Structures are given as C-alpha cells and as structure tokens.
Protein backbone atom coordinates (compact mmCIF):
# COMPACT_ATOMS: atom_id res chain seq x y z
CA UNK A 1 -3.66 3.12 15.71
CA UNK A 2 -0.27 3.37 14.73
CA UNK A 3 2.90 4.50 14.29
CA UNK A 4 3.41 6.56 11.66
CA UNK A 5 2.19 10.12 12.15
CA UNK A 6 0.87 12.21 8.60
CA UNK A 7 -0.46 15.32 8.97
CA UNK A 8 -2.61 15.26 12.02
CA UNK A 9 -4.47 17.92 11.13
CA UNK A 10 -4.81 16.84 7.71
CA UNK A 11 -7.06 13.79 8.05
CA UNK A 12 -9.18 15.34 10.75
CA UNK A 13 -8.81 18.90 9.58
CA UNK A 14 -11.36 17.61 6.63
CA UNK A 15 -13.80 15.53 9.48
CA UNK A 16 -16.96 16.47 10.08
CA UNK A 17 -17.95 14.32 13.07
CA UNK A 18 -16.23 12.26 15.12
CA UNK A 19 -17.97 9.39 17.30
CA UNK A 20 -17.65 6.41 19.23
CA UNK A 21 -16.31 7.37 22.60
CA UNK A 22 -15.80 10.72 21.81
CA UNK A 23 -15.33 12.14 24.99
CA UNK A 24 -15.17 10.78 28.44
CA UNK A 25 -14.15 7.29 28.53
CA UNK A 26 -11.21 5.56 29.95
CA UNK A 27 -10.39 2.37 28.31
CA UNK A 28 -10.20 3.39 25.07
CA UNK A 29 -7.96 0.67 23.34
CA UNK A 30 -4.35 1.16 23.48
CA UNK A 31 -2.16 0.67 21.27
CA UNK A 32 1.04 -1.43 20.87
CA UNK A 33 2.92 1.21 18.90
CA UNK A 34 4.29 -0.30 15.79
CA UNK A 35 1.37 -0.60 13.54
CA UNK A 36 3.29 0.02 10.57
CA UNK A 37 3.66 2.99 7.64
CA UNK A 38 0.25 2.28 6.58
CA UNK A 39 1.11 3.85 3.41
CA UNK A 40 -0.58 3.81 -0.07
CA UNK A 41 1.95 1.60 -1.88
CA UNK A 42 3.34 2.14 -5.07
CA UNK A 43 3.87 5.86 -5.05
CA UNK A 44 1.55 8.68 -4.74
CA UNK A 45 -0.61 9.20 -8.02
CA UNK A 46 -1.50 12.39 -7.80
CA UNK A 47 -0.15 15.92 -7.18
CA UNK A 48 -1.01 18.87 -5.63
CA UNK A 49 -3.26 21.16 -7.86
CA UNK A 50 -3.30 24.86 -8.23
CA UNK A 51 -3.80 27.51 -5.61
CA UNK A 52 -7.91 28.57 -5.72
CA UNK A 53 -9.39 31.67 -6.85
CA UNK A 54 -11.72 33.65 -6.52
CA UNK A 55 -13.68 34.40 -9.81
CA UNK A 56 -17.19 36.13 -8.42
CA UNK A 57 -17.16 37.77 -5.34
CA UNK A 58 -20.07 38.12 -3.59
CA UNK A 59 -21.26 38.72 -0.04
CA UNK A 60 -23.25 35.62 0.84
CA UNK A 61 -22.86 31.92 0.33
CA UNK A 62 -19.78 30.01 -1.21
CA UNK A 63 -19.87 28.33 -4.88
CA UNK A 64 -17.12 25.44 -4.61
CA UNK A 65 -15.92 24.69 -8.03
CA UNK A 66 -14.00 21.58 -8.38
CA UNK A 67 -13.65 17.95 -8.81
CA UNK A 68 -16.84 17.28 -7.01
CA UNK A 69 -17.95 13.72 -5.35
CA UNK A 70 -21.14 13.47 -6.05
CA UNK A 71 -23.90 10.68 -4.73
CA UNK A 72 -24.39 10.08 -8.57
CA UNK A 73 -20.97 9.70 -9.41
CA UNK A 74 -18.24 12.19 -10.27
CA UNK A 75 -18.84 15.91 -11.54
CA UNK A 76 -15.44 16.78 -13.70
CA UNK A 77 -15.80 19.94 -13.57
CA UNK A 78 -18.78 20.44 -10.92
CA UNK A 79 -20.19 22.86 -8.32
CA UNK A 80 -21.38 22.74 -4.91
CA UNK A 81 -23.24 25.99 -3.72
CA UNK A 82 -23.63 26.61 -0.13
CA UNK A 83 -25.82 29.34 1.30
CA UNK A 84 -26.25 29.49 5.01
CA UNK A 85 -26.17 26.07 6.87
CA UNK A 86 -27.31 24.22 3.51
CA UNK A 87 -26.01 22.84 0.17
CA UNK A 88 -28.43 24.32 -2.45
CA UNK A 89 -27.00 22.96 -5.60
CA UNK A 90 -24.79 19.88 -6.47
CA UNK A 91 -24.31 19.92 -10.37
CA UNK A 92 -22.31 20.80 -13.40
CA UNK A 93 -23.06 24.20 -13.03
CA UNK A 94 -25.07 25.80 -10.30
CA UNK A 95 -24.25 29.65 -11.11
CA UNK A 96 -27.98 29.98 -12.37
CA UNK A 97 -29.31 28.50 -8.95
CA UNK A 98 -31.25 30.33 -6.28
CA UNK A 99 -28.60 32.26 -4.16
CA UNK A 100 -25.77 31.69 -6.91
CA UNK A 101 -25.41 35.23 -8.09
CA UNK A 102 -24.99 36.66 -4.34
CA UNK A 103 -22.65 33.73 -3.27
CA UNK A 104 -18.49 34.13 -3.90
CA UNK A 105 -17.36 31.61 -6.48
CA UNK A 106 -14.06 29.80 -6.03
CA UNK A 107 -12.34 27.68 -8.41
CA UNK A 108 -10.55 25.31 -5.82
CA UNK A 109 -8.78 23.22 -8.56
CA UNK A 110 -9.38 20.61 -6.46
CA UNK A 111 -11.41 17.60 -4.93
CA UNK A 112 -14.87 18.69 -3.15
CA UNK A 113 -15.90 16.27 -1.05
CA UNK A 114 -18.52 15.82 2.00
CA UNK A 115 -16.77 15.87 5.50
CA UNK A 116 -15.33 13.43 7.00
CA UNK A 117 -16.68 10.78 9.28
CA UNK A 118 -14.81 9.19 11.94
CA UNK A 119 -16.73 6.42 13.21
CA UNK A 120 -14.73 5.93 16.10
CA UNK A 121 -12.32 8.10 18.14
CA UNK A 122 -11.67 8.15 22.11
CA UNK A 123 -11.09 12.25 21.40
CA UNK A 124 -10.22 12.90 24.63
CA UNK A 125 -7.00 11.17 24.30
CA UNK A 126 -5.49 12.57 21.43
CA UNK A 127 -3.25 14.40 22.65
CA UNK A 128 -0.96 11.63 23.53
CA UNK A 129 1.79 10.08 21.51
CA UNK A 130 1.44 6.37 20.37
CA UNK A 131 2.04 3.83 23.66
CA UNK A 132 5.09 1.45 22.88
CA UNK A 133 5.48 -1.37 25.56
CA UNK A 134 9.01 -2.27 26.27
CA UNK A 135 9.86 -4.93 24.87
CA UNK A 136 7.82 -4.26 22.41
CA UNK A 137 4.76 -6.82 22.11
CA UNK A 138 1.21 -7.50 21.09
CA UNK A 139 -1.77 -8.92 22.51
CA UNK A 140 -4.29 -11.32 22.40
CA UNK A 141 -6.98 -8.82 23.57
CA UNK A 142 -8.12 -5.43 25.04
CA UNK A 143 -8.65 -6.57 28.41
CA UNK A 144 -5.00 -7.84 28.53
CA UNK A 145 -3.39 -4.31 27.63
CA UNK A 146 -5.48 -2.26 29.62
CA UNK A 147 -4.30 -3.75 32.69
CA UNK A 148 -0.75 -3.46 31.82
CA UNK A 149 1.27 -1.21 34.32
CA UNK A 150 2.76 0.46 31.12
CA UNK A 151 0.14 1.39 29.39
CA UNK A 152 -1.38 2.53 32.88
CA UNK A 153 1.55 4.43 33.35
CA UNK A 154 1.29 5.72 29.94
CA UNK A 155 -1.92 7.46 30.02
CA UNK A 156 -1.87 8.81 34.08
CA UNK A 157 -1.35 12.31 33.47
CA UNK A 158 -4.46 12.51 31.47
CA UNK A 159 -6.65 9.43 33.02
CA UNK A 160 -6.06 10.10 36.54
CA UNK A 161 -7.85 13.50 36.63
CA UNK A 162 -9.92 13.01 33.22
CA UNK A 163 -13.43 13.46 34.80
CA UNK A 164 -12.54 17.19 36.04
CA UNK A 165 -12.93 19.38 33.05
CA UNK A 166 -9.54 21.31 33.65
CA UNK A 167 -8.39 17.76 32.31
CA UNK A 168 -11.21 16.99 29.75
CA UNK A 169 -11.68 19.95 28.46
CA UNK A 170 -8.03 20.43 27.00
CA UNK A 171 -7.93 17.20 25.98
CA UNK A 172 -11.30 16.70 24.31
CA UNK A 173 -10.82 20.22 22.39
CA UNK A 174 -7.11 18.79 21.42
CA UNK A 175 -8.50 15.62 19.53
CA UNK A 176 -11.69 17.57 18.24
CA UNK A 177 -8.92 20.42 16.68
CA UNK A 178 -7.49 17.44 14.46
CA UNK A 179 -11.49 17.28 13.15
CA UNK A 180 -11.98 21.38 14.25
CA UNK A 181 -14.49 21.33 17.56
CA UNK A 182 -14.37 22.76 20.96
CA UNK A 183 -15.63 21.44 24.31
CA UNK A 184 -17.68 20.55 24.12
CA UNK A 185 -20.66 21.85 22.41
CA UNK A 186 -19.60 23.44 19.04
CA UNK A 187 -17.07 22.94 16.34
CA UNK A 188 -17.23 19.23 14.86
CA UNK A 189 -20.37 17.06 15.77
CA UNK A 190 -20.31 14.17 17.96
CA UNK A 191 -22.44 11.38 17.27
CA UNK A 192 -22.62 10.58 20.91
CA UNK A 193 -23.47 13.98 22.31
CA UNK A 194 -23.80 17.00 20.72
CA UNK A 195 -24.01 17.18 16.71
CA UNK A 196 -26.93 19.80 16.09
CA UNK A 197 -28.97 17.33 14.14
CA UNK A 198 -31.68 16.54 16.71
CA UNK A 199 -31.51 14.66 19.94
CA UNK A 200 -28.85 12.67 21.17
CA UNK A 201 -29.77 9.42 20.02
CA UNK A 202 -27.12 6.91 20.37
CA UNK A 203 -25.86 4.74 23.73
CA UNK A 204 -22.43 3.22 24.19
CA UNK A 205 -20.96 1.18 26.55
CA UNK A 206 -16.81 0.77 27.05
CA UNK A 207 -17.10 -2.34 28.98
CA UNK A 208 -17.47 -6.32 27.77
CA UNK A 209 -21.06 -6.90 26.39
CA UNK A 210 -20.87 -9.72 28.00
CA UNK A 211 -21.34 -7.74 31.41
CA UNK A 212 -24.65 -6.28 30.31
CA UNK A 213 -27.27 -8.28 32.55
CA UNK A 214 -31.01 -8.72 32.16
CA UNK A 215 -32.02 -5.14 33.49
CA UNK A 216 -29.57 -3.33 31.59
CA UNK A 217 -30.88 -5.04 28.12
CA UNK A 218 -34.17 -4.61 29.06
CA UNK A 219 -33.83 -0.65 29.68
CA UNK A 220 -31.66 -0.80 26.34
CA UNK A 221 -34.66 -2.63 24.34
CA UNK A 222 -37.31 0.12 26.07
CA UNK A 223 -35.13 2.87 24.67
CA UNK A 224 -34.48 1.49 21.40
CA UNK A 225 -38.68 1.06 21.30
CA UNK A 226 -39.41 4.48 23.22
CA UNK A 227 -42.35 6.26 20.95
CA UNK A 228 -40.89 9.51 21.28
CA UNK A 229 -36.56 10.00 20.65
CA UNK A 230 -35.54 6.44 20.52
CA UNK A 231 -32.16 5.71 20.66
CA UNK A 232 -31.16 4.63 17.42
CA UNK A 233 -27.35 3.43 17.70
CA UNK A 234 -25.86 1.62 20.63
CA UNK A 235 -21.96 1.23 19.93
CA UNK A 236 -19.81 -1.05 21.56
CA UNK A 237 -16.58 -2.24 21.57
CA UNK A 238 -17.34 -6.02 19.97
CA UNK A 239 -15.00 -8.71 20.04
CA UNK A 240 -11.70 -6.84 20.42
CA UNK A 241 -9.15 -9.45 19.95
CA UNK A 242 -8.73 -12.89 18.82
CA UNK A 243 -8.46 -14.75 21.81
CA UNK A 244 -8.72 -15.10 25.84
CA UNK A 245 -11.01 -13.35 28.12
CA UNK A 246 -13.94 -14.84 26.33
CA UNK A 247 -13.39 -12.38 23.53
CA UNK A 248 -15.05 -15.04 21.50
CA UNK A 249 -18.54 -15.41 23.16
CA UNK A 250 -19.14 -12.03 23.43
CA UNK A 251 -21.33 -11.94 19.79
CA UNK A 252 -23.01 -14.73 20.93
CA UNK A 253 -23.81 -13.12 24.32
CA UNK A 254 -24.94 -9.74 22.56
CA UNK A 255 -27.14 -11.83 20.50
CA UNK A 256 -28.93 -13.29 23.72
CA UNK A 257 -26.86 -16.96 24.01
CA UNK A 258 -24.95 -16.16 26.52
CA UNK A 259 -25.52 -19.58 29.08
CA UNK A 260 -24.96 -18.04 32.03
CA UNK A 261 -28.19 -17.04 33.98
CA UNK A 262 -29.05 -13.34 34.42
CA UNK A 263 -27.15 -12.24 30.99
CA UNK A 264 -30.36 -11.64 28.59
CA UNK A 265 -30.84 -15.51 26.97
CA UNK A 266 -33.15 -14.88 24.44
CA UNK A 267 -33.42 -11.30 24.40
CA UNK A 268 -30.54 -10.16 21.40
CA UNK A 269 -29.44 -6.59 21.14
CA UNK A 270 -28.75 -6.77 17.45
CA UNK A 271 -32.12 -5.20 17.74
CA UNK A 272 -33.93 -2.97 14.93
CA UNK A 273 -30.23 -1.73 13.21
CA UNK A 274 -29.05 -0.24 16.35
CA UNK A 275 -25.99 -2.25 16.97
CA UNK A 276 -22.84 -0.43 16.07
CA UNK A 277 -20.01 -3.35 16.39
CA UNK A 278 -16.45 -1.69 17.09
CA UNK A 279 -13.52 -4.12 15.71
CA UNK A 280 -15.47 -7.56 15.12
CA UNK A 281 -12.19 -8.94 14.79
CA UNK A 282 -12.73 -12.66 15.12
CA UNK A 283 -16.77 -13.10 13.81
CA UNK A 284 -17.30 -16.15 12.26
CA UNK A 285 -19.21 -16.23 8.92
CA UNK A 286 -22.37 -17.23 10.89
CA UNK A 287 -22.21 -14.15 12.90
CA UNK A 288 -21.32 -11.89 9.91
CA UNK A 289 -24.45 -13.56 8.47
CA UNK A 290 -26.60 -12.20 11.36
CA UNK A 291 -24.87 -8.97 11.72
CA UNK A 292 -26.33 -8.76 7.85
CA UNK A 293 -29.86 -9.68 8.37
CA UNK A 294 -30.17 -7.41 11.80
CA UNK A 295 -29.16 -4.39 9.83
CA UNK A 296 -25.86 -4.30 12.48
CA UNK A 297 -23.10 -2.32 11.63
CA UNK A 298 -19.69 -2.22 11.86
CA UNK A 299 -16.41 0.09 12.29
CA UNK A 300 -13.13 -1.07 11.33
CA UNK A 301 -9.74 0.15 12.68
CA UNK A 302 -7.20 -1.60 11.01
CA UNK A 303 -4.24 0.51 12.27
CA UNK A 304 -4.93 0.26 16.24
CA UNK A 305 -5.61 -3.45 15.31
CA UNK A 306 -2.48 -4.29 14.17
CA UNK A 307 -0.28 -2.07 16.58
CA UNK A 308 -2.23 -4.00 19.64
CA UNK A 309 -3.33 -7.61 18.08
CA UNK A 310 -0.52 -7.86 15.49
CA UNK A 311 0.35 -7.28 12.01
CA UNK A 312 -2.88 -8.62 9.65
CA UNK A 313 -4.65 -8.95 13.02
CA UNK A 314 -8.33 -7.03 12.07
CA UNK A 315 -11.79 -7.41 11.09
CA UNK A 316 -12.35 -9.67 8.32
CA UNK A 317 -13.45 -6.98 6.24
CA UNK A 318 -13.02 -8.81 2.72
CA UNK A 319 -15.92 -10.23 3.65
CA UNK A 320 -17.77 -7.66 5.52
CA UNK A 321 -17.45 -5.97 2.77
CA UNK A 322 -18.99 -8.71 0.36
CA UNK A 323 -21.73 -9.42 2.42
CA UNK A 324 -22.63 -5.45 2.15
CA UNK A 325 -22.75 -4.65 5.91
CA UNK A 326 -22.71 -1.15 5.93
CA UNK A 327 -19.08 0.00 8.00
CA UNK A 328 -17.36 2.67 8.92
CA UNK A 329 -13.80 3.73 9.92
CA UNK A 330 -12.02 4.86 12.51
CA UNK A 331 -8.60 5.24 13.59
CA UNK A 332 -9.48 4.51 17.38
CA UNK A 333 -7.33 6.89 19.40
CA UNK A 334 -3.79 8.30 18.86
CA UNK A 335 -2.53 6.30 21.83
CA UNK A 336 -2.59 3.06 19.45
CA UNK A 337 -3.85 4.13 16.08
CA UNK A 338 -3.29 6.80 13.43
CA UNK A 339 -3.80 10.25 14.17
CA UNK A 340 -6.79 11.13 11.71
CA UNK A 341 -9.10 9.86 9.19
CA UNK A 342 -6.93 10.39 6.05
CA UNK A 343 -3.88 8.82 7.89
CA UNK A 344 -6.32 5.94 8.50
CA UNK A 345 -7.32 5.28 4.80
CA UNK A 346 -3.86 5.49 3.57
CA UNK A 347 -3.03 2.71 6.47
CA UNK A 348 -6.22 0.43 4.96
CA UNK A 349 -5.61 0.83 1.17
CA UNK A 350 -2.02 -0.27 1.86
CA UNK A 351 -2.83 -3.32 4.14
CA UNK A 352 -5.64 -4.19 1.40
CA UNK A 353 -3.04 -3.56 -1.36
CA UNK A 354 -0.50 -5.87 0.52
CA UNK A 355 -3.34 -8.69 0.96
CA UNK A 356 -5.19 -8.70 -2.07
CA UNK A 357 -8.49 -7.46 -0.79
CA UNK A 358 -9.45 -5.99 -3.89
CA UNK A 359 -13.20 -4.70 -2.20
CA UNK A 360 -11.01 -2.04 -0.66
CA UNK A 361 -10.81 1.05 -2.84
CA UNK A 362 -10.09 4.39 -2.59
CA UNK A 363 -13.49 4.97 -3.81
CA UNK A 364 -14.68 2.57 -0.97
CA UNK A 365 -12.80 4.33 1.63
CA UNK A 366 -14.13 7.43 0.78
CA UNK A 367 -18.08 5.92 1.72
CA UNK A 368 -16.40 4.34 4.42
CA UNK A 369 -16.14 8.09 5.77
CA UNK A 370 -18.81 9.79 4.06
CA UNK A 371 -21.94 8.49 3.30
CA UNK A 372 -21.74 4.74 4.80
CA UNK A 373 -20.40 6.45 7.61
CA UNK A 374 -23.22 8.51 8.59
CA UNK A 375 -25.76 5.82 8.66
CA UNK A 376 -23.26 4.21 10.93
CA UNK A 377 -23.62 6.92 13.27
CA UNK A 378 -27.65 7.08 12.50
CA UNK A 379 -27.21 10.43 11.23
CA UNK A 380 -27.39 9.97 7.52
CA UNK A 381 -30.73 12.07 6.81
CA UNK A 382 -28.20 15.73 7.38
CA UNK A 383 -24.94 14.30 6.44
CA UNK A 384 -22.51 12.49 4.71
CA UNK A 385 -23.17 13.51 0.89
CA UNK A 386 -23.48 16.27 -1.32
CA UNK A 387 -26.81 16.65 -2.16
CA UNK A 388 -29.19 19.97 -2.24
CA UNK A 389 -31.39 19.96 1.40
CA UNK A 390 -28.05 18.43 3.09
CA UNK A 391 -26.06 20.30 5.66
CA UNK A 392 -23.21 21.91 4.54
CA UNK A 393 -20.40 19.91 6.01
CA UNK A 394 -18.01 19.91 3.16
CA UNK A 395 -14.20 19.60 2.70
CA UNK A 396 -12.00 20.58 -0.33
CA UNK A 397 -8.65 18.74 -1.06
CA UNK A 398 -6.13 20.61 -3.20
CA UNK A 399 -4.90 17.69 -5.05
CA UNK A 400 -5.13 16.31 -8.27
CA UNK A 401 -5.01 12.69 -10.03
CA UNK A 402 -6.62 10.72 -12.89
CA UNK A 403 -8.54 9.35 -9.36
CA UNK A 404 -9.97 11.76 -7.21
CA UNK A 405 -10.70 9.47 -4.47
CA UNK A 406 -7.23 8.39 -4.60
CA UNK A 407 -6.06 11.88 -4.69
CA UNK A 408 -8.90 12.74 -1.51
CA UNK A 409 -7.10 9.34 0.44
CA UNK A 410 -3.26 10.56 -0.29
CA UNK A 411 -3.83 14.14 0.83
CA UNK A 412 -2.14 16.15 3.94
CA UNK A 413 -2.65 18.67 6.25
CA UNK A 414 -1.14 21.41 3.49
CA UNK A 415 -3.58 19.97 1.02
CA UNK A 416 -6.63 20.51 3.17
CA UNK A 417 -7.98 23.41 1.28
CA UNK A 418 -11.29 24.16 3.08
CA UNK A 419 -13.23 22.94 5.86
CA UNK A 420 -17.18 23.70 6.25
CA UNK A 421 -19.26 22.96 8.96
CA UNK A 422 -22.99 23.91 8.44
CA UNK A 423 -21.48 26.37 5.98
CA UNK A 424 -19.11 27.67 8.07
CA UNK A 425 -14.94 27.65 7.35
CA UNK A 426 -13.13 26.07 10.67
CA UNK A 427 -10.13 25.82 8.80
CA UNK A 428 -8.58 26.27 5.42
CA UNK A 429 -6.06 28.20 2.98
CA UNK A 430 -4.87 31.60 4.60
CA UNK A 431 -5.13 33.02 1.01
CA UNK A 432 -9.04 32.52 0.37
CA UNK A 433 -11.46 35.46 1.04
CA UNK A 434 -12.39 36.71 4.85
CA UNK A 435 -15.83 35.67 4.24
CA UNK A 436 -14.67 31.51 4.09
CA UNK A 437 -13.85 31.92 8.14
CA UNK A 438 -16.38 31.26 10.61
CA UNK A 439 -15.50 34.54 12.79
CA UNK A 440 -13.26 36.78 13.26
CA UNK A 441 -11.12 35.19 15.75
CA UNK A 442 -9.80 32.59 13.31
CA UNK A 443 -5.84 32.11 13.79
CA UNK A 444 -3.21 32.03 11.11
CA UNK A 445 -1.86 28.38 11.11
CA UNK A 446 1.39 26.81 9.67
CA UNK A 447 0.62 23.64 8.19
CA UNK A 448 4.18 22.01 7.06
CA UNK A 449 4.70 25.86 5.57
CA UNK A 450 1.57 26.46 3.91
CA UNK A 451 -0.37 29.19 5.63
CA UNK A 452 -3.69 28.15 6.45
CA UNK A 453 -6.44 29.56 8.98
CA UNK A 454 -8.08 27.86 11.96
CA UNK A 455 -10.52 28.71 13.88
CA UNK A 456 -10.21 27.88 17.58
CA UNK A 457 -12.37 30.96 19.67
CA UNK A 458 -15.77 31.16 19.77
CA UNK A 459 -15.49 35.28 20.55
CA UNK A 460 -13.18 36.85 23.11
CA UNK A 461 -15.98 37.86 24.91
CA UNK A 462 -17.72 34.76 25.54
CA UNK A 463 -17.67 32.94 28.91
CA UNK A 464 -15.91 30.21 30.20
CA UNK A 465 -13.43 28.05 27.96
CA UNK A 466 -15.08 29.96 24.50
CA UNK A 467 -12.40 32.34 24.67
CA UNK A 468 -9.03 30.02 24.41
CA UNK A 469 -6.58 30.46 21.61
CA UNK A 470 -4.72 27.58 20.27
CA UNK A 471 -1.98 28.60 22.49
CA UNK A 472 -3.91 28.36 25.69
CA UNK A 473 -4.93 24.88 24.95
CA UNK A 474 -1.78 23.68 24.17
CA UNK A 475 -0.36 25.56 27.09
CA UNK A 476 -2.82 23.40 29.35
CA UNK A 477 -2.43 20.11 27.78
CA UNK A 478 1.59 20.62 28.00
CA UNK A 479 1.22 21.39 31.77
CA UNK A 480 -0.94 18.32 31.96
CA UNK A 481 1.86 16.43 31.03
CA UNK A 482 4.38 18.11 33.42
CA UNK A 483 2.43 17.79 36.16
CA UNK A 484 1.07 20.56 38.24
CA UNK A 485 3.28 22.56 40.70
CA UNK A 486 2.37 21.97 44.40
CA UNK A 487 1.01 18.23 43.13
CA UNK A 488 1.82 15.41 45.07
CA UNK A 489 5.36 13.51 43.55
CA UNK A 490 3.42 10.95 41.73
CA UNK A 491 1.96 13.29 39.63
CA UNK A 492 5.13 15.23 38.51
CA UNK A 493 5.45 13.87 35.35
CA UNK A 494 7.91 15.81 32.80
CA UNK A 495 6.32 15.09 30.15
CA UNK A 496 5.75 17.79 28.22
CA UNK A 497 7.74 17.07 25.57
CA UNK A 498 5.46 14.32 24.55
CA UNK A 499 2.77 16.58 23.71
CA UNK A 500 1.33 15.45 20.38
CA UNK A 501 1.13 18.15 18.15
CA UNK A 502 -1.89 18.91 15.54
CA UNK A 503 0.63 18.06 12.55
CA UNK A 504 3.43 16.08 12.13
CA UNK A 505 5.66 17.19 9.37
CA UNK A 506 8.03 14.63 9.35
CA UNK A 507 6.47 12.07 7.35
C-alpha cells in the first residue's frame, strides 16, 4: 500500500466487494510510506472513449453495449442485459432477449466488466493517509511496525475509539464509498459480513496463526464440517514479512506441524479448501505445493508489502501463478497501500513488468479482481463473471485501446462510467438517465473535473445513519482527526487536514 495516490474512487468505485478484515480490526498492516509510483510503465496505451449515449429509452432494466469482458473471452462489440438484480443476457446481441424491449439501451463506448473484488482491505482505516516513518525505514515483519510508537500515533485518532459506532461507522462508510457502500448492511458487499448472498460463511483472525491453540483449531474444524451453513473460508495473515518473530514458521504451524505442545499438532488448518492466505511472502516451494494440493487461496498485496518491507519484497507471485494457485488481489488499506483496486492493479503490473514476471498481465490482474477473487472469498456461485443468472454487479470503464484489459487497468475516477450492484447504479456519469441511479437521493460528485453521481443516502426518512450525506460523513471524519471538543488534551489532534479524500486528482 503505498505512496502514489491515483483516483481513489476510480478503483473502488468499480468494486463490488471488499474482503479481508473489512471492518473492525485494529491491527491492520502498517505502511511504510514509499511504496513507489506503481505506474503501469511504458506510458498509457488506452485513451478516453466517447461519452455514453442512450439508443433506446425504456422503463425497466439496462442493456449495456460496449467491449464486454465475458468468461468466454472479449465480445467486441458485446452487450449485457440487466433486469432487476440479475444478468439476463451476455452476447454479441441481446436486443432480442427476454426483457430487452423494456430496457434502456446504452452504448457505453467503454469496457463492460464484472465489478471488481478487493480480496483484502481493512476498510474502516481508509480515511487515513499513508504512514511514513521518520526517518524512513522498512521492517522485517508485521509484528515490528505494529509496535512502532509512530505508527500507533498515526492511527490513534481512530484506533483509540474504533469499537464505538461514532468512530467505526464513518470510517467504514468512507472506506466502503471507495467501493460504494455504507455502515454496514447495504452498498458494497463485505465477504466477511454483509453481502446479500446467503449466510456469513467466512472466519478470520488478525493475530498470528501460531497463536491458534488446540481448542480454537478444533472449533474451526467443526465449523468447516458443519452440516448446515459451514464456514467455507478462513482468512489469515500468513507470513507477512520475511524474517524475525517466527514469521517463517507460520505456515508449518498452520499446517499442524508446530513443535510446541497445545498448538494443534497433526491437525492442519489447510482444510477443505477453506484457507485464504493473505501476503504469504516467504513461502517455500514445498509450502506452495502444499497450498496448491489443499486448494488454499492466496491474496497478493504488493504495494503494501513494498511500503512496509522494502521494494521487491512480496509474495513469490511468479511461482504462485505458475502453479495455478487461485489468487486474489487487495491493496490492504490506505495506511500502507494503494487507495483502491485500480491503483493496486497498476502497481502490480508496473512491478511485474520491471521484474520480468510475464505471468502478471492486465488480463490476469483482471481475473484476480473478478472471477478468481470471487473464488478466494467464496462467492463464486453468485459473482465475478458476466453470465446469465449471476447477480448484476457490473462496472463500466470509459477507455478504449487495443487491449481492453489494459484499458480497464489504466482507468481513473473520471473513467468509471457506471457501477451497478444488484442492478442498481451507485456511481456513474451525471449525464446518464435517472433510472441508472439507485434512488432519488443520489448526489452530484466531481471526479477530477468530470461530473458524476454518487449514491450515499438510502432515504432521508430512514432511521439512524442511512440519512447521512457525503458531507455528513466527511465532517464526522474531519472531527475525528481534529479531536472532539471537551475531550482530554491527549485526544486533541488537530489533524483534520489529513483526511484522505475519496479522489486525489494530483496524479
């Protein structure tokens, strides 16, 4: 997670789901500030496409025409028909499909994709800028920076009261608005909480996996084996770092080979394909082979790894992809990584090109952020692909070029043309028909000079926090960073100007 900021909303405005420790944790990884520019390298090879145009006005549903990134390959031109919360048709021509006649047809002149899936993000921290140690330095593992006094001071305005809704909810909303959401039961989908796709199937832990003792391991296995509503994913921070504090022993401990009595010896938690191994920096060839054999998943967060542990220190992504281990992508959080998914994709591509890792292509990164990301978080039955019957989580990017996957990766906030969740528009071009907006309370939003709409309120008549506007949430976070009037002197921070805006137009 790192240094250069590129249209924050761009990446997450295209997101359908955020996962990892989406909401309440305190020990998210900490950044070291200078992760690098993370550019794609070699200059942009796509350009902004013409504005979208309505070619048929209807009253129910949307037919989106453009370059469609479908499971079977690129449809150019292609069409996606959305009726209600479901995708009805994905083909070169959907105009004759059931429901098309009543839909509004829009030629997006852009790239139509499944919504992006952020496989790991500590969302509630994502109003904080990156932490830059003074003097600049990197660390050997995550247990070192979490105890650094400068880090603790950086996150203190939020962390000191993170268990209180008055702090947690504004932070969670701001982070989710990068992916479009609210606190905490509508908007973007949270794989580890609300997602509207069945029960909460994910378990997670923030602490060291070496701390999982016998009783907890047995309880986890029972949950994985439950006859009804079993846990299908167990997300852990695995081997985040390269040396010290036993990080090189975490994988074997998790796999039931911890030599210490009481730590589930001979009981592997690489079980039934549930393991989601976040970071996985020092894994050996044998350990990667074991991850593959146990159908474990890996989440790659290169920008945060670089910022915290040094340039080039990250998971062995070349070998991971060669082996075919299912891999997701996530920026981790704004404190050490990129602001959102598109920026993380650019960072990853720039690194891979510099390092000569040919397995990391724009198309592969897109897969990590869509179909493979859905497998990582265990929601592949519902999302991650543009297919009839899937939930209508769709993103449209207003760029064009010879490689549509690269055009998507090169998109910024101004290029995100429309974001649908369950067929409802949460963000998009202001000039699109009103029926693209999820309700009448969506607000005007300036994305670096491009007029957009963004949907924050559920209803002005709703109870509690559903009535909050974008300005309301902004003010709450500003106040958190400033320090509440009447609080003790140690909680008077005067840091309101550090609030990380949804979109940084300086890059």
